Amino acid sequence: MNKRFSQNQFKVVVEHDEDGYFVASVPALPGCSTQAKTMNELRERVRDAIRLSLEVTRINPLYRKRIKWFAYEPAFVGMEVVTI
């Protein structure tokens, strides 16, 4: 198994959508995402989503292959507002 999956920390990208939900995705685990109305609920749900993705990683060779193709580790650069 890939070294990064033996660690307990994952970078999570969190956005606030137009319907008022917080949306979280885990770039190191393609397809691993969830949403919630509050940040506390989102934190719990993203932990559950990560645990489920890691379980699928252990038993599904196709998902492990997908991780190799699509996973990435984001480095936060910042945000900008662009006016056109």
Protein backbone atom coordinates (compact mmCIF):
# COMPACT_ATOMS: atom_id res chain seq x y z
CA MET A 1 0.00 0.00 0.00
CA ASN A 2 1.12 3.54 -0.70
CA LYS A 3 3.02 5.16 2.18
CA ARG A 4 0.65 8.13 2.49
CA PHE A 5 -2.22 5.80 3.47
CA SER A 6 -0.41 4.55 6.56
CA GLN A 7 -0.57 8.05 8.03
CA ASN A 8 -3.53 9.43 9.92
CA GLN A 9 -3.71 12.88 8.34
CA PHE A 10 -5.31 13.89 5.06
CA LYS A 11 -5.66 17.31 3.50
CA VAL A 12 -9.33 18.23 3.06
CA VAL A 13 -10.63 20.96 0.76
CA VAL A 14 -13.71 22.67 2.23
CA GLU A 15 -16.06 24.93 0.31
CA HIS A 16 -19.34 26.62 1.14
CA ASP A 17 -21.91 26.06 -1.62
CA GLU A 18 -24.76 28.23 -2.83
CA ASP A 19 -27.32 26.22 -0.85
CA GLY A 20 -25.55 26.88 2.45
CA TYR A 21 -23.87 23.49 2.78
CA PHE A 22 -20.23 22.94 3.61
CA VAL A 23 -18.69 20.53 1.09
CA ALA A 24 -15.49 18.60 1.79
CA SER A 25 -13.32 16.60 -0.59
CA VAL A 26 -10.14 14.64 0.02
CA PRO A 27 -7.82 14.97 -3.01
CA ALA A 28 -5.63 12.03 -1.92
CA LEU A 29 -8.69 9.76 -2.13
CA PRO A 30 -10.53 10.36 -5.43
CA GLY A 31 -14.28 10.32 -4.99
CA CYS A 32 -14.01 10.86 -1.25
CA SER A 33 -16.34 13.75 -0.48
CA THR A 34 -19.27 14.68 1.74
CA GLN A 35 -21.39 17.64 2.77
CA ALA A 36 -23.14 18.98 5.87
CA LYS A 37 -24.97 22.02 7.20
CA THR A 38 -22.43 22.73 9.96
CA MET A 39 -18.65 22.46 10.19
CA ASN A 40 -18.87 20.14 13.21
CA GLU A 41 -21.11 17.76 11.30
CA LEU A 42 -18.83 18.05 8.25
CA ARG A 43 -15.78 17.05 10.30
CA GLU A 44 -17.50 13.88 11.49
CA ARG A 45 -18.79 13.04 8.03
CA VAL A 46 -15.42 13.55 6.36
CA ARG A 47 -13.78 11.24 8.91
CA ASP A 48 -16.39 8.60 8.05
CA ALA A 49 -15.85 9.14 4.32
CA ILE A 50 -12.07 8.76 4.74
CA ARG A 51 -12.50 5.57 6.77
CA LEU A 52 -14.80 4.13 4.10
CA SER A 53 -12.40 5.08 1.29
CA LEU A 54 -9.51 3.47 3.14
CA GLU A 55 -11.54 0.29 3.59
CA VAL A 56 -12.32 0.24 -0.14
CA THR A 57 -8.60 0.81 -0.81
CA ARG A 58 -7.76 -2.33 1.15
CA ILE A 59 -10.21 -4.59 -0.70
CA ASN A 60 -10.59 -3.11 -4.19
CA PRO A 61 -7.62 -3.18 -6.61
CA LEU A 62 -9.48 -0.97 -9.13
CA TYR A 63 -9.84 1.79 -6.55
CA ARG A 64 -6.14 1.49 -5.66
CA LYS A 65 -5.37 1.95 -9.37
CA ARG A 66 -7.68 4.97 -9.53
CA ILE A 67 -5.82 6.51 -6.60
CA LYS A 68 -2.54 6.16 -8.47
CA TRP A 69 -4.05 7.90 -11.52
CA PHE A 70 -6.09 10.68 -9.95
CA ALA A 71 -4.94 11.39 -6.39
CA TYR A 72 -2.91 14.48 -5.62
CA GLU A 73 -1.72 16.36 -2.58
CA PRO A 74 -2.84 19.99 -2.75
CA ALA A 75 -0.66 22.82 -1.53
CA PHE A 76 -2.75 25.81 -0.50
CA VAL A 77 -1.63 28.92 -2.32
CA GLY A 78 -4.44 31.31 -1.48
CA MET A 79 -7.59 32.82 -2.89
CA GLU A 80 -8.08 35.78 -5.11
CA VAL A 81 -11.08 37.74 -6.27
CA VAL A 82 -10.89 38.57 -9.96
CA THR A 83 -13.01 41.41 -11.32
CA ILE A 84 -13.89 41.41 -15.01
